[in-house]
Amino acid sequence: MAGDAGAAAAAAIANAIKASGAIIEVDPEVFMTILARERDSRPLVVMAKGGIIKTSYRYLAACRGFIFSTKSSDPLMLPGYVDIISARKIWTPS
């Protein structure tokens, strides 16, 4: 039975990856550079605050068909040309 649950979990993760495409995790500085390159297209950023013991901030942005993700212990100072959506939670398959 445990094998069946593990296989089901692996299949669910694989399906989530297929549905979302490639998610590329980058450092916050790289994330900000990507946003700057997309300035003219008014990039959309999804942001969520989370953490149980220690607060963290997660961000997602799409650029050229890829989804970029970053995590920071402090909120990022996003530029004014960025449209922001606040989410309750961001989940990415691991």
N, C-alpha and C. Protein backbone atom coordinates (compact mmCIF):
# COMPACT_ATOMS: atom_id res chain seq x y z
N MET A 1 0.81 -1.20 0.00
CA MET A 1 0.00 0.00 0.00
C MET A 1 0.84 1.26 0.00
N ALA A 2 1.92 1.27 0.79
CA ALA A 2 2.78 2.46 0.83
C ALA A 2 3.38 2.73 -0.54
N GLY A 3 3.68 1.68 -1.29
CA GLY A 3 4.22 1.83 -2.64
C GLY A 3 3.22 2.49 -3.57
N ASP A 4 1.93 2.13 -3.41
CA ASP A 4 0.89 2.74 -4.23
C ASP A 4 0.75 4.22 -3.94
N ALA A 5 0.83 4.59 -2.66
CA ALA A 5 0.72 6.00 -2.28
C ALA A 5 1.91 6.78 -2.83
N GLY A 6 3.10 6.21 -2.76
CA GLY A 6 4.30 6.86 -3.28
C GLY A 6 4.21 7.05 -4.79
N ALA A 7 3.73 6.02 -5.48
CA ALA A 7 3.58 6.12 -6.93
C ALA A 7 2.54 7.16 -7.31
N ALA A 8 1.47 7.24 -6.54
CA ALA A 8 0.42 8.24 -6.81
C ALA A 8 0.96 9.65 -6.58
N ALA A 9 1.75 9.81 -5.53
CA ALA A 9 2.34 11.13 -5.25
C ALA A 9 3.31 11.53 -6.36
N ALA A 10 4.12 10.58 -6.81
CA ALA A 10 5.06 10.87 -7.89
C ALA A 10 4.33 11.24 -9.17
N ALA A 11 3.23 10.55 -9.46
CA ALA A 11 2.44 10.85 -10.65
C ALA A 11 1.80 12.24 -10.54
N ALA A 12 1.33 12.60 -9.35
CA ALA A 12 0.73 13.91 -9.15
C ALA A 12 1.75 15.02 -9.36
N ILE A 13 2.96 14.81 -8.86
CA ILE A 13 4.02 15.81 -9.05
C ILE A 13 4.39 15.92 -10.53
N ALA A 14 4.51 14.80 -11.20
CA ALA A 14 4.84 14.82 -12.62
C ALA A 14 3.77 15.56 -13.41
N ASN A 15 2.50 15.33 -13.09
CA ASN A 15 1.41 16.02 -13.78
C ASN A 15 1.43 17.51 -13.49
N ALA A 16 1.76 17.89 -12.26
CA ALA A 16 1.83 19.31 -11.91
C ALA A 16 2.94 19.99 -12.70
N ILE A 17 4.07 19.32 -12.85
CA ILE A 17 5.18 19.89 -13.61
C ILE A 17 4.79 20.04 -15.08
N LYS A 18 4.12 19.05 -15.63
CA LYS A 18 3.67 19.16 -17.02
C LYS A 18 2.70 20.31 -17.20
N ALA A 19 1.79 20.49 -16.25
CA ALA A 19 0.78 21.54 -16.36
C ALA A 19 1.39 22.93 -16.22
N SER A 20 2.40 23.08 -15.36
CA SER A 20 2.95 24.40 -15.10
C SER A 20 4.13 24.73 -16.00
N GLY A 21 4.74 23.76 -16.61
CA GLY A 21 5.94 24.01 -17.40
C GLY A 21 7.16 24.07 -16.50
N ALA A 22 8.24 24.57 -17.04
CA ALA A 22 9.48 24.66 -16.27
C ALA A 22 9.41 25.83 -15.30
N ILE A 23 9.73 25.57 -14.06
CA ILE A 23 9.83 26.63 -13.06
C ILE A 23 11.30 26.72 -12.68
N ILE A 24 11.87 27.90 -12.89
CA ILE A 24 13.30 28.10 -12.69
C ILE A 24 13.49 28.92 -11.42
N GLU A 25 14.18 28.35 -10.46
CA GLU A 25 14.43 29.05 -9.19
C GLU A 25 15.73 29.83 -9.31
N VAL A 26 15.64 31.13 -8.98
CA VAL A 26 16.80 32.01 -9.06
C VAL A 26 16.94 32.80 -7.76
N ASP A 27 18.11 33.39 -7.56
CA ASP A 27 18.32 34.27 -6.42
C ASP A 27 17.50 35.55 -6.60
N PRO A 28 17.16 36.22 -5.51
CA PRO A 28 16.37 37.46 -5.62
C PRO A 28 17.00 38.51 -6.53
N GLU A 29 18.32 38.64 -6.52
CA GLU A 29 18.99 39.62 -7.37
C GLU A 29 18.78 39.31 -8.86
N VAL A 30 18.85 38.04 -9.21
CA VAL A 30 18.62 37.61 -10.59
C VAL A 30 17.17 37.86 -10.96
N PHE A 31 16.24 37.58 -10.05
CA PHE A 31 14.81 37.81 -10.29
C PHE A 31 14.57 39.28 -10.62
N MET A 32 15.18 40.18 -9.86
CA MET A 32 15.02 41.61 -10.09
C MET A 32 15.61 42.02 -11.45
N THR A 33 16.70 41.40 -11.84
CA THR A 33 17.30 41.68 -13.15
C THR A 33 16.38 41.24 -14.27
N ILE A 34 15.75 40.10 -14.11
CA ILE A 34 14.80 39.61 -15.11
C ILE A 34 13.64 40.58 -15.24
N LEU A 35 13.12 41.06 -14.12
CA LEU A 35 12.02 42.04 -14.16
C LEU A 35 12.45 43.31 -14.90
N ALA A 36 13.67 43.76 -14.65
CA ALA A 36 14.18 44.98 -15.30
C ALA A 36 14.25 44.80 -16.82
N ARG A 37 14.62 43.61 -17.26
CA ARG A 37 14.69 43.34 -18.71
C ARG A 37 13.32 43.37 -19.35
N GLU A 38 12.29 43.06 -18.57
CA GLU A 38 10.92 43.01 -19.08
C GLU A 38 10.14 44.29 -18.81
N ARG A 39 10.83 45.35 -18.44
CA ARG A 39 10.20 46.61 -18.02
C ARG A 39 9.11 47.08 -19.00
N ASP A 40 9.39 47.06 -20.29
CA ASP A 40 8.45 47.58 -21.28
C ASP A 40 7.17 46.77 -21.39
N SER A 41 7.21 45.52 -20.95
CA SER A 41 6.01 44.67 -21.05
C SER A 41 5.21 44.63 -19.75
N ARG A 42 5.56 45.48 -18.77
CA ARG A 42 4.88 45.53 -17.47
C ARG A 42 4.71 44.11 -16.90
N PRO A 43 5.78 43.51 -16.42
CA PRO A 43 5.70 42.13 -15.93
C PRO A 43 4.71 41.98 -14.77
N LEU A 44 4.11 40.82 -14.74
CA LEU A 44 3.17 40.45 -13.68
C LEU A 44 3.90 39.56 -12.68
N VAL A 45 3.83 39.92 -11.41
CA VAL A 45 4.49 39.15 -10.36
C VAL A 45 3.43 38.67 -9.37
N VAL A 46 3.49 37.39 -9.04
CA VAL A 46 2.63 36.83 -8.00
C VAL A 46 3.49 36.71 -6.75
N MET A 47 2.97 37.23 -5.63
CA MET A 47 3.73 37.26 -4.39
C MET A 47 2.90 36.63 -3.28
N ALA A 48 3.55 35.86 -2.42
CA ALA A 48 2.88 35.27 -1.26
C ALA A 48 3.81 35.30 -0.06
N LYS A 49 3.26 35.64 1.08
CA LYS A 49 4.00 35.64 2.34
C LYS A 49 3.68 34.34 3.06
N GLY A 50 4.69 33.68 3.58
CA GLY A 50 4.46 32.40 4.24
C GLY A 50 5.49 32.12 5.31
N GLY A 51 5.50 30.89 5.72
CA GLY A 51 6.44 30.46 6.74
C GLY A 51 5.75 30.20 8.06
N ILE A 52 6.23 29.21 8.77
CA ILE A 52 5.65 28.86 10.07
C ILE A 52 6.53 29.41 11.18
N ILE A 53 7.79 29.07 11.15
CA ILE A 53 8.72 29.54 12.18
C ILE A 53 9.33 30.87 11.78
N LYS A 54 9.69 31.00 10.51
CA LYS A 54 10.33 32.20 10.02
C LYS A 54 9.58 32.68 8.78
N THR A 55 9.26 33.96 8.73
CA THR A 55 8.53 34.53 7.59
C THR A 55 9.39 34.49 6.34
N SER A 56 8.78 34.14 5.22
CA SER A 56 9.45 34.19 3.93
C SER A 56 8.50 34.75 2.89
N TYR A 57 9.07 35.24 1.83
CA TYR A 57 8.30 35.82 0.74
C TYR A 57 8.66 35.07 -0.53
N ARG A 58 7.64 34.63 -1.27
CA ARG A 58 7.86 33.89 -2.51
C ARG A 58 7.29 34.70 -3.66
N TYR A 59 7.99 34.64 -4.78
CA TYR A 59 7.62 35.42 -5.95
C TYR A 59 7.70 34.55 -7.20
N LEU A 60 6.77 34.79 -8.12
CA LEU A 60 6.77 34.14 -9.43
C LEU A 60 6.56 35.20 -10.50
N ALA A 61 7.24 35.03 -11.63
CA ALA A 61 7.04 35.90 -12.79
C ALA A 61 7.31 35.09 -14.05
N ALA A 62 6.54 35.34 -15.09
CA ALA A 62 6.73 34.67 -16.37
C ALA A 62 7.53 35.58 -17.29
N CYS A 63 8.46 34.97 -18.01
CA CYS A 63 9.29 35.73 -18.95
C CYS A 63 9.71 34.79 -20.08
N ARG A 64 9.34 35.15 -21.29
CA ARG A 64 9.76 34.40 -22.49
C ARG A 64 9.42 32.91 -22.40
N GLY A 65 8.27 32.60 -21.84
CA GLY A 65 7.81 31.23 -21.78
C GLY A 65 8.29 30.43 -20.58
N PHE A 66 9.10 31.04 -19.75
CA PHE A 66 9.58 30.38 -18.54
C PHE A 66 8.95 31.04 -17.33
N ILE A 67 8.84 30.28 -16.24
CA ILE A 67 8.36 30.83 -14.98
C ILE A 67 9.55 30.89 -14.04
N PHE A 68 9.83 32.09 -13.56
CA PHE A 68 10.94 32.29 -12.64
C PHE A 68 10.39 32.43 -11.23
N SER A 69 11.08 31.82 -10.29
CA SER A 69 10.66 31.81 -8.90
C SER A 69 11.83 32.23 -8.02
N THR A 70 11.50 32.96 -6.95
CA THR A 70 12.51 33.28 -5.96
C THR A 70 11.87 33.32 -4.59
N LYS A 71 12.71 33.22 -3.57
CA LYS A 71 12.27 33.24 -2.19
C LYS A 71 13.21 34.15 -1.42
N SER A 72 12.65 34.94 -0.51
CA SER A 72 13.46 35.89 0.25
C SER A 72 12.95 35.97 1.68
N SER A 73 13.86 36.20 2.61
CA SER A 73 13.45 36.37 4.01
C SER A 73 12.90 37.77 4.26
N ASP A 74 13.19 38.70 3.36
CA ASP A 74 12.66 40.07 3.43
C ASP A 74 11.87 40.35 2.16
N PRO A 75 10.85 41.22 2.24
CA PRO A 75 10.11 41.54 1.02
C PRO A 75 11.00 42.25 0.00
N LEU A 76 10.83 41.91 -1.27
CA LEU A 76 11.58 42.57 -2.33
C LEU A 76 10.95 43.93 -2.61
N MET A 77 11.78 44.90 -2.92
CA MET A 77 11.31 46.23 -3.30
C MET A 77 11.07 46.21 -4.81
N LEU A 78 9.85 45.82 -5.20
CA LEU A 78 9.53 45.69 -6.61
C LEU A 78 9.33 47.06 -7.24
N PRO A 79 9.82 47.24 -8.47
CA PRO A 79 9.70 48.53 -9.13
C PRO A 79 8.26 48.86 -9.50
N GLY A 80 7.98 50.13 -9.73
CA GLY A 80 6.62 50.60 -10.01
C GLY A 80 6.02 50.09 -11.30
N TYR A 81 6.83 49.65 -12.26
CA TYR A 81 6.31 49.16 -13.53
C TYR A 81 5.84 47.71 -13.45
N VAL A 82 5.93 47.09 -12.29
CA VAL A 82 5.51 45.70 -12.10
C VAL A 82 4.09 45.66 -11.58
N ASP A 83 3.26 44.82 -12.21
CA ASP A 83 1.91 44.56 -11.69
C ASP A 83 2.03 43.41 -10.69
N ILE A 84 1.43 43.57 -9.52
CA ILE A 84 1.58 42.59 -8.45
C ILE A 84 0.23 41.97 -8.09
N ILE A 85 0.22 40.67 -7.96
CA ILE A 85 -0.94 39.94 -7.45
C ILE A 85 -0.50 39.29 -6.15
N SER A 86 -1.24 39.55 -5.09
CA SER A 86 -0.96 38.91 -3.80
C SER A 86 -1.75 37.61 -3.71
N ALA A 87 -1.05 36.53 -3.44
CA ALA A 87 -1.68 35.21 -3.31
C ALA A 87 -1.60 34.76 -1.86
N ARG A 88 -2.52 33.90 -1.47
CA ARG A 88 -2.44 33.33 -0.12
C ARG A 88 -1.26 32.39 0.01
N LYS A 89 -0.97 31.66 -1.09
CA LYS A 89 0.09 30.66 -1.04
C LYS A 89 0.60 30.41 -2.45
N ILE A 90 1.89 30.17 -2.56
CA ILE A 90 2.48 29.72 -3.81
C ILE A 90 3.01 28.33 -3.57
N TRP A 91 2.60 27.39 -4.38
CA TRP A 91 3.07 26.02 -4.30
C TRP A 91 3.75 25.68 -5.61
N THR A 92 4.94 25.15 -5.53
CA THR A 92 5.63 24.66 -6.71
C THR A 92 6.03 23.21 -6.49
N PRO A 93 5.92 22.37 -7.50
CA PRO A 93 6.28 20.97 -7.32
C PRO A 93 7.77 20.83 -7.03
N SER A 94 8.10 19.88 -6.14
CA SER A 94 9.52 19.68 -5.85
C SER A 94 10.01 18.37 -6.37
